[in-house]
Amino acid sequence: MRSALASPKEYREFAAQCLGWAARAKHEQHKNMMLGMADHWMQAAREMERAGTRGRVASTEHPVSEPRRL
């Protein structure tokens, strides 16, 4: 089982995965969904860095889970 703690680097890796899936998407809706998820991961990474935390985001943000591997 994976630890709930993640780092900004891991969040950026999740974003990169989403960008890769967006590039391969056959439908515009799926592409846009993956781009949105990539943006969310990048925002979470930046927020974590601003807060100087590991594994926590600001209370205004929703908790996020690791993307599924396809």
PDB file of N, CA and C in Angstrom:
ATOM      1  N   MET A   1       0.852  -1.189   0.000  1.00  0.00           N
ATOM      2  CA  MET A   1       0.000   0.000   0.000  1.00  0.00           C
ATOM      3  C   MET A   1       0.884   1.233   0.000  1.00  0.00           C
ATOM      4  N   ARG A   2       0.506   2.216  -0.769  1.00  0.00           N
ATOM      5  CA  ARG A   2       1.265   3.438  -0.920  1.00  0.00           C
ATOM      6  C   ARG A   2       0.985   4.393   0.232  1.00  0.00           C
ATOM      7  N   SER A   3       2.000   5.084   0.669  1.00  0.00           N
ATOM      8  CA  SER A   3       1.849   6.086   1.716  1.00  0.00           C
ATOM      9  C   SER A   3       0.974   7.232   1.220  1.00  0.00           C
ATOM     10  N   ALA A   4       0.218   7.828   2.129  1.00  0.00           N
ATOM     11  CA  ALA A   4      -0.630   8.969   1.768  1.00  0.00           C
ATOM     12  C   ALA A   4       0.206  10.218   1.521  1.00  0.00           C
ATOM     13  N   LEU A   5       1.447  10.214   1.981  1.00  0.00           N
ATOM     14  CA  LEU A   5       2.300  11.377   1.792  1.00  0.00           C
ATOM     15  C   LEU A   5       2.866  11.384   0.368  1.00  0.00           C
ATOM     16  N   ALA A   6       2.839  12.525  -0.249  1.00  0.00           N
ATOM     17  CA  ALA A   6       3.380  12.690  -1.594  1.00  0.00           C
ATOM     18  C   ALA A   6       4.195  13.973  -1.619  1.00  0.00           C
ATOM     19  N   SER A   7       4.983  14.132  -2.645  1.00  0.00           N
ATOM     20  CA  SER A   7       5.826  15.317  -2.767  1.00  0.00           C
ATOM     21  C   SER A   7       5.405  16.105  -4.009  1.00  0.00           C
ATOM     22  N   PRO A   8       5.797  17.373  -4.086  1.00  0.00           N
ATOM     23  CA  PRO A   8       5.512  18.147  -5.296  1.00  0.00           C
ATOM     24  C   PRO A   8       6.072  17.462  -6.547  1.00  0.00           C
ATOM     25  N   LYS A   9       7.216  16.805  -6.412  1.00  0.00           N
ATOM     26  CA  LYS A   9       7.791  16.099  -7.560  1.00  0.00           C
ATOM     27  C   LYS A   9       6.854  14.992  -8.032  1.00  0.00           C
ATOM     28  N   GLU A  10       6.297  14.223  -7.093  1.00  0.00           N
ATOM     29  CA  GLU A  10       5.360  13.166  -7.472  1.00  0.00           C
ATOM     30  C   GLU A  10       4.108  13.752  -8.124  1.00  0.00           C
ATOM     31  N   TYR A  11       3.621  14.870  -7.593  1.00  0.00           N
ATOM     32  CA  TYR A  11       2.439  15.498  -8.185  1.00  0.00           C
ATOM     33  C   TYR A  11       2.734  15.931  -9.623  1.00  0.00           C
ATOM     34  N   ARG A  12       3.941  16.443  -9.850  1.00  0.00           N
ATOM     35  CA  ARG A  12       4.313  16.837 -11.216  1.00  0.00           C
ATOM     36  C   ARG A  12       4.421  15.610 -12.125  1.00  0.00           C
ATOM     37  N   GLU A  13       4.873  14.500 -11.590  1.00  0.00           N
ATOM     38  CA  GLU A  13       4.915  13.263 -12.371  1.00  0.00           C
ATOM     39  C   GLU A  13       3.499  12.809 -12.736  1.00  0.00           C
ATOM     40  N   PHE A  14       2.559  12.938 -11.789  1.00  0.00           N
ATOM     41  CA  PHE A  14       1.162  12.597 -12.081  1.00  0.00           C
ATOM     42  C   PHE A  14       0.643  13.504 -13.196  1.00  0.00           C
ATOM     43  N   ALA A  15       0.989  14.801 -13.122  1.00  0.00           N
ATOM     44  CA  ALA A  15       0.562  15.746 -14.159  1.00  0.00           C
ATOM     45  C   ALA A  15       1.127  15.343 -15.514  1.00  0.00           C
ATOM     46  N   ALA A  16       2.382  14.934 -15.540  1.00  0.00           N
ATOM     47  CA  ALA A  16       3.004  14.517 -16.799  1.00  0.00           C
ATOM     48  C   ALA A  16       2.290  13.293 -17.375  1.00  0.00           C
ATOM     49  N   GLN A  17       1.885  12.365 -16.511  1.00  0.00           N
ATOM     50  CA  GLN A  17       1.124  11.206 -16.985  1.00  0.00           C
ATOM     51  C   GLN A  17      -0.186  11.656 -17.631  1.00  0.00           C
ATOM     52  N   CYS A  18      -0.860  12.583 -16.991  1.00  0.00           N
ATOM     53  CA  CYS A  18      -2.127  13.090 -17.530  1.00  0.00           C
ATOM     54  C   CYS A  18      -1.910  13.761 -18.886  1.00  0.00           C
ATOM     55  N   LEU A  19      -0.821  14.506 -19.020  1.00  0.00           N
ATOM     56  CA  LEU A  19      -0.523  15.151 -20.302  1.00  0.00           C
ATOM     57  C   LEU A  19      -0.271  14.112 -21.389  1.00  0.00           C
ATOM     58  N   GLY A  20       0.405  13.036 -21.024  1.00  0.00           N
ATOM     59  CA  GLY A  20       0.633  11.962 -21.985  1.00  0.00           C
ATOM     60  C   GLY A  20      -0.674  11.325 -22.426  1.00  0.00           C
ATOM     61  N   TRP A  21      -1.572  11.090 -21.467  1.00  0.00           N
ATOM     62  CA  TRP A  21      -2.873  10.515 -21.809  1.00  0.00           C
ATOM     63  C   TRP A  21      -3.677  11.489 -22.664  1.00  0.00           C
ATOM     64  N   ALA A  22      -3.574  12.780 -22.373  1.00  0.00           N
ATOM     65  CA  ALA A  22      -4.285  13.785 -23.175  1.00  0.00           C
ATOM     66  C   ALA A  22      -3.789  13.764 -24.614  1.00  0.00           C
ATOM     67  N   ALA A  23      -2.491  13.616 -24.795  1.00  0.00           N
ATOM     68  CA  ALA A  23      -1.920  13.595 -26.142  1.00  0.00           C
ATOM     69  C   ALA A  23      -2.404  12.386 -26.949  1.00  0.00           C
ATOM     70  N   ARG A  24      -2.723  11.307 -26.252  1.00  0.00           N
ATOM     71  CA  ARG A  24      -3.173  10.091 -26.939  1.00  0.00           C
ATOM     72  C   ARG A  24      -4.689   9.946 -26.995  1.00  0.00           C
ATOM     73  N   ALA A  25      -5.408  10.869 -26.377  1.00  0.00           N
ATOM     74  CA  ALA A  25      -6.871  10.770 -26.325  1.00  0.00           C
ATOM     75  C   ALA A  25      -7.477  10.851 -27.724  1.00  0.00           C
ATOM     76  N   LYS A  26      -8.461  10.011 -27.953  1.00  0.00           N
ATOM     77  CA  LYS A  26      -9.140   9.987 -29.247  1.00  0.00           C
ATOM     78  C   LYS A  26     -10.333  10.942 -29.278  1.00  0.00           C
ATOM     79  N   HIS A  27     -10.827  11.300 -28.114  1.00  0.00           N
ATOM     80  CA  HIS A  27     -11.995  12.182 -28.021  1.00  0.00           C
ATOM     81  C   HIS A  27     -11.618  13.485 -27.319  1.00  0.00           C
ATOM     82  N   GLU A  28     -12.115  14.566 -27.824  1.00  0.00           N
ATOM     83  CA  GLU A  28     -11.825  15.894 -27.261  1.00  0.00           C
ATOM     84  C   GLU A  28     -12.207  15.976 -25.788  1.00  0.00           C
ATOM     85  N   GLN A  29     -13.326  15.361 -25.425  1.00  0.00           N
ATOM     86  CA  GLN A  29     -13.788  15.392 -24.032  1.00  0.00           C
ATOM     87  C   GLN A  29     -12.762  14.721 -23.111  1.00  0.00           C
ATOM     88  N   HIS A  30     -12.227  13.583 -23.543  1.00  0.00           N
ATOM     89  CA  HIS A  30     -11.230  12.885 -22.729  1.00  0.00           C
ATOM     90  C   HIS A  30      -9.942  13.701 -22.643  1.00  0.00           C
ATOM     91  N   LYS A  31      -9.550  14.297 -23.761  1.00  0.00           N
ATOM     92  CA  LYS A  31      -8.349  15.134 -23.775  1.00  0.00           C
ATOM     93  C   LYS A  31      -8.501  16.287 -22.778  1.00  0.00           C
ATOM     94  N   ASN A  32      -9.635  16.959 -22.825  1.00  0.00           N
ATOM     95  CA  ASN A  32      -9.868  18.084 -21.922  1.00  0.00           C
ATOM     96  C   ASN A  32      -9.891  17.649 -20.461  1.00  0.00           C
ATOM     97  N   MET A  33     -10.440  16.467 -20.196  1.00  0.00           N
ATOM     98  CA  MET A  33     -10.478  15.951 -18.832  1.00  0.00           C
ATOM     99  C   MET A  33      -9.053  15.711 -18.323  1.00  0.00           C
ATOM    100  N   MET A  34      -8.216  15.115 -19.148  1.00  0.00           N
ATOM    101  CA  MET A  34      -6.833  14.852 -18.748  1.00  0.00           C
ATOM    102  C   MET A  34      -6.046  16.149 -18.571  1.00  0.00           C
ATOM    103  N   LEU A  35      -6.290  17.134 -19.434  1.00  0.00           N
ATOM    104  CA  LEU A  35      -5.621  18.431 -19.279  1.00  0.00           C
ATOM    105  C   LEU A  35      -6.037  19.099 -17.974  1.00  0.00           C
ATOM    106  N   GLY A  36      -7.315  18.979 -17.638  1.00  0.00           N
ATOM    107  CA  GLY A  36      -7.803  19.530 -16.370  1.00  0.00           C
ATOM    108  C   GLY A  36      -7.168  18.850 -15.174  1.00  0.00           C
ATOM    109  N   MET A  37      -7.025  17.529 -15.261  1.00  0.00           N
ATOM    110  CA  MET A  37      -6.391  16.797 -14.166  1.00  0.00           C
ATOM    111  C   MET A  37      -4.920  17.183 -14.039  1.00  0.00           C
ATOM    112  N   ALA A  38      -4.242  17.349 -15.174  1.00  0.00           N
ATOM    113  CA  ALA A  38      -2.837  17.765 -15.137  1.00  0.00           C
ATOM    114  C   ALA A  38      -2.717  19.130 -14.456  1.00  0.00           C
ATOM    115  N   ASP A  39      -3.615  20.027 -14.796  1.00  0.00           N
ATOM    116  CA  ASP A  39      -3.604  21.355 -14.178  1.00  0.00           C
ATOM    117  C   ASP A  39      -3.824  21.248 -12.672  1.00  0.00           C
ATOM    118  N   HIS A  40      -4.738  20.401 -12.261  1.00  0.00           N
ATOM    119  CA  HIS A  40      -5.005  20.223 -10.832  1.00  0.00           C
ATOM    120  C   HIS A  40      -3.757  19.713 -10.101  1.00  0.00           C
ATOM    121  N   TRP A  41      -3.068  18.713 -10.671  1.00  0.00           N
ATOM    122  CA  TRP A  41      -1.852  18.181 -10.049  1.00  0.00           C
ATOM    123  C   TRP A  41      -0.783  19.258  -9.942  1.00  0.00           C
ATOM    124  N   MET A  42      -0.632  20.083 -10.985  1.00  0.00           N
ATOM    125  CA  MET A  42       0.380  21.146 -10.943  1.00  0.00           C
ATOM    126  C   MET A  42       0.030  22.182  -9.882  1.00  0.00           C
ATOM    127  N   GLN A  43      -1.243  22.532  -9.782  1.00  0.00           N
ATOM    128  CA  GLN A  43      -1.667  23.484  -8.759  1.00  0.00           C
ATOM    129  C   GLN A  43      -1.400  22.928  -7.363  1.00  0.00           C
ATOM    130  N   ALA A  44      -1.691  21.644  -7.170  1.00  0.00           N
ATOM    131  CA  ALA A  44      -1.453  21.018  -5.869  1.00  0.00           C
ATOM    132  C   ALA A  44       0.041  21.026  -5.534  1.00  0.00           C
ATOM    133  N   ALA A  45       0.888  20.775  -6.523  1.00  0.00           N
ATOM    134  CA  ALA A  45       2.341  20.797  -6.297  1.00  0.00           C
ATOM    135  C   ALA A  45       2.793  22.192  -5.886  1.00  0.00           C
ATOM    136  N   ARG A  46       2.298  23.211  -6.595  1.00  0.00           N
ATOM    137  CA  ARG A  46       2.683  24.594  -6.254  1.00  0.00           C
ATOM    138  C   ARG A  46       2.197  24.973  -4.861  1.00  0.00           C
ATOM    139  N   GLU A  47       0.966  24.578  -4.522  1.00  0.00           N
ATOM    140  CA  GLU A  47       0.416  24.894  -3.206  1.00  0.00           C
ATOM    141  C   GLU A  47       1.236  24.216  -2.111  1.00  0.00           C
ATOM    142  N   MET A  48       1.613  22.983  -2.342  1.00  0.00           N
ATOM    143  CA  MET A  48       2.411  22.256  -1.362  1.00  0.00           C
ATOM    144  C   MET A  48       3.760  22.953  -1.157  1.00  0.00           C
ATOM    145  N   GLU A  49       4.364  23.398  -2.247  1.00  0.00           N
ATOM    146  CA  GLU A  49       5.644  24.104  -2.131  1.00  0.00           C
ATOM    147  C   GLU A  49       5.475  25.432  -1.395  1.00  0.00           C
ATOM    148  N   ARG A  50       4.423  26.178  -1.710  1.00  0.00           N
ATOM    149  CA  ARG A  50       4.169  27.455  -1.023  1.00  0.00           C
ATOM    150  C   ARG A  50       3.972  27.246   0.465  1.00  0.00           C
ATOM    151  N   ALA A  51       3.250  26.188   0.811  1.00  0.00           N
ATOM    152  CA  ALA A  51       2.949  25.918   2.216  1.00  0.00           C
ATOM    153  C   ALA A  51       4.141  25.297   2.931  1.00  0.00           C
ATOM    154  N   GLY A  52       5.127  24.837   2.149  1.00  0.00           N
ATOM    155  CA  GLY A  52       6.294  24.210   2.759  1.00  0.00           C
ATOM    156  C   GLY A  52       5.958  22.903   3.443  1.00  0.00           C
ATOM    157  N   THR A  53       4.990  22.183   2.872  1.00  0.00           N
ATOM    158  CA  THR A  53       4.548  20.933   3.482  1.00  0.00           C
ATOM    159  C   THR A  53       4.811  19.765   2.560  1.00  0.00           C
ATOM    160  N   ARG A  54       4.696  18.601   3.120  1.00  0.00           N
ATOM    161  CA  ARG A  54       4.778  17.359   2.345  1.00  0.00           C
ATOM    162  C   ARG A  54       3.539  16.547   2.711  1.00  0.00           C
ATOM    163  N   GLY A  55       2.722  16.268   1.693  1.00  0.00           N
ATOM    164  CA  GLY A  55       1.554  15.432   1.928  1.00  0.00           C
ATOM    165  C   GLY A  55       0.320  16.177   2.387  1.00  0.00           C
ATOM    166  N   ARG A  56       0.394  17.515   2.471  1.00  0.00           N
ATOM    167  CA  ARG A  56      -0.780  18.292   2.856  1.00  0.00           C
ATOM    168  C   ARG A  56      -0.988  19.414   1.855  1.00  0.00           C
ATOM    169  N   VAL A  57      -2.238  19.750   1.617  1.00  0.00           N
ATOM    170  CA  VAL A  57      -2.570  20.904   0.790  1.00  0.00           C
ATOM    171  C   VAL A  57      -3.421  21.828   1.642  1.00  0.00           C
ATOM    172  N   ALA A  58      -3.591  23.046   1.191  1.00  0.00           N
ATOM    173  CA  ALA A  58      -4.381  24.021   1.950  1.00  0.00           C
ATOM    174  C   ALA A  58      -5.780  23.477   2.195  1.00  0.00           C
ATOM    175  N   SER A  59      -6.393  23.877   3.295  1.00  0.00           N
ATOM    176  CA  SER A  59      -7.697  23.345   3.676  1.00  0.00           C
ATOM    177  C   SER A  59      -8.786  23.658   2.660  1.00  0.00           C
ATOM    178  N   THR A  60      -8.565  24.614   1.771  1.00  0.00           N
ATOM    179  CA  THR A  60      -9.560  24.940   0.754  1.00  0.00           C
ATOM    180  C   THR A  60      -9.528  23.960  -0.409  1.00  0.00           C
ATOM    181  N   GLU A  61      -8.497  23.125  -0.462  1.00  0.00           N
ATOM    182  CA  GLU A  61      -8.366  22.175  -1.560  1.00  0.00           C
ATOM    183  C   GLU A  61      -8.923  20.827  -1.150  1.00  0.00           C
ATOM    184  N   HIS A  62      -9.366  20.081  -2.150  1.00  0.00           N
ATOM    185  CA  HIS A  62      -9.851  18.729  -1.911  1.00  0.00           C
ATOM    186  C   HIS A  62      -8.671  17.771  -1.917  1.00  0.00           C
ATOM    187  N   PRO A  63      -8.747  16.729  -1.106  1.00  0.00           N
ATOM    188  CA  PRO A  63      -7.671  15.745  -1.160  1.00  0.00           C
ATOM    189  C   PRO A  63      -7.646  15.085  -2.532  1.00  0.00           C
ATOM    190  N   VAL A  64      -6.482  14.702  -2.969  1.00  0.00           N
ATOM    191  CA  VAL A  64      -6.344  14.111  -4.295  1.00  0.00           C
ATOM    192  C   VAL A  64      -5.780  12.714  -4.177  1.00  0.00           C
ATOM    193  N   SER A  65      -6.073  11.894  -5.142  1.00  0.00           N
ATOM    194  CA  SER A  65      -5.546  10.541  -5.125  1.00  0.00           C
ATOM    195  C   SER A  65      -4.640  10.340  -6.321  1.00  0.00           C
ATOM    196  N   GLU A  66      -3.813   9.340  -6.223  1.00  0.00           N
ATOM    197  CA  GLU A  66      -2.874   9.021  -7.296  1.00  0.00           C
ATOM    198  C   GLU A  66      -3.660   8.578  -8.527  1.00  0.00           C
ATOM    199  N   PRO A  67      -3.237   9.039  -9.721  1.00  0.00           N
ATOM    200  CA  PRO A  67      -3.949   8.621 -10.929  1.00  0.00           C
ATOM    201  C   PRO A  67      -3.792   7.124 -11.160  1.00  0.00           C
ATOM    202  N   ARG A  68      -4.803   6.538 -11.733  1.00  0.00           N
ATOM    203  CA  ARG A  68      -4.756   5.116 -12.082  1.00  0.00           C
ATOM    204  C   ARG A  68      -3.795   4.902 -13.224  1.00  0.00           C
ATOM    205  N   ARG A  69      -3.068   3.836 -13.165  1.00  0.00           N
ATOM    206  CA  ARG A  69      -2.167   3.469 -14.249  1.00  0.00           C
ATOM    207  C   ARG A  69      -2.974   2.680 -15.280  1.00  0.00           C
ATOM    208  N   LEU A  70      -2.900   3.114 -16.535  1.00  0.00           N
ATOM    209  CA  LEU A  70      -3.637   2.409 -17.593  1.00  0.00           C
ATOM    210  C   LEU A  70      -2.749   1.448 -18.320  1.00  0.00           C
TER     211      LEU A  70
END
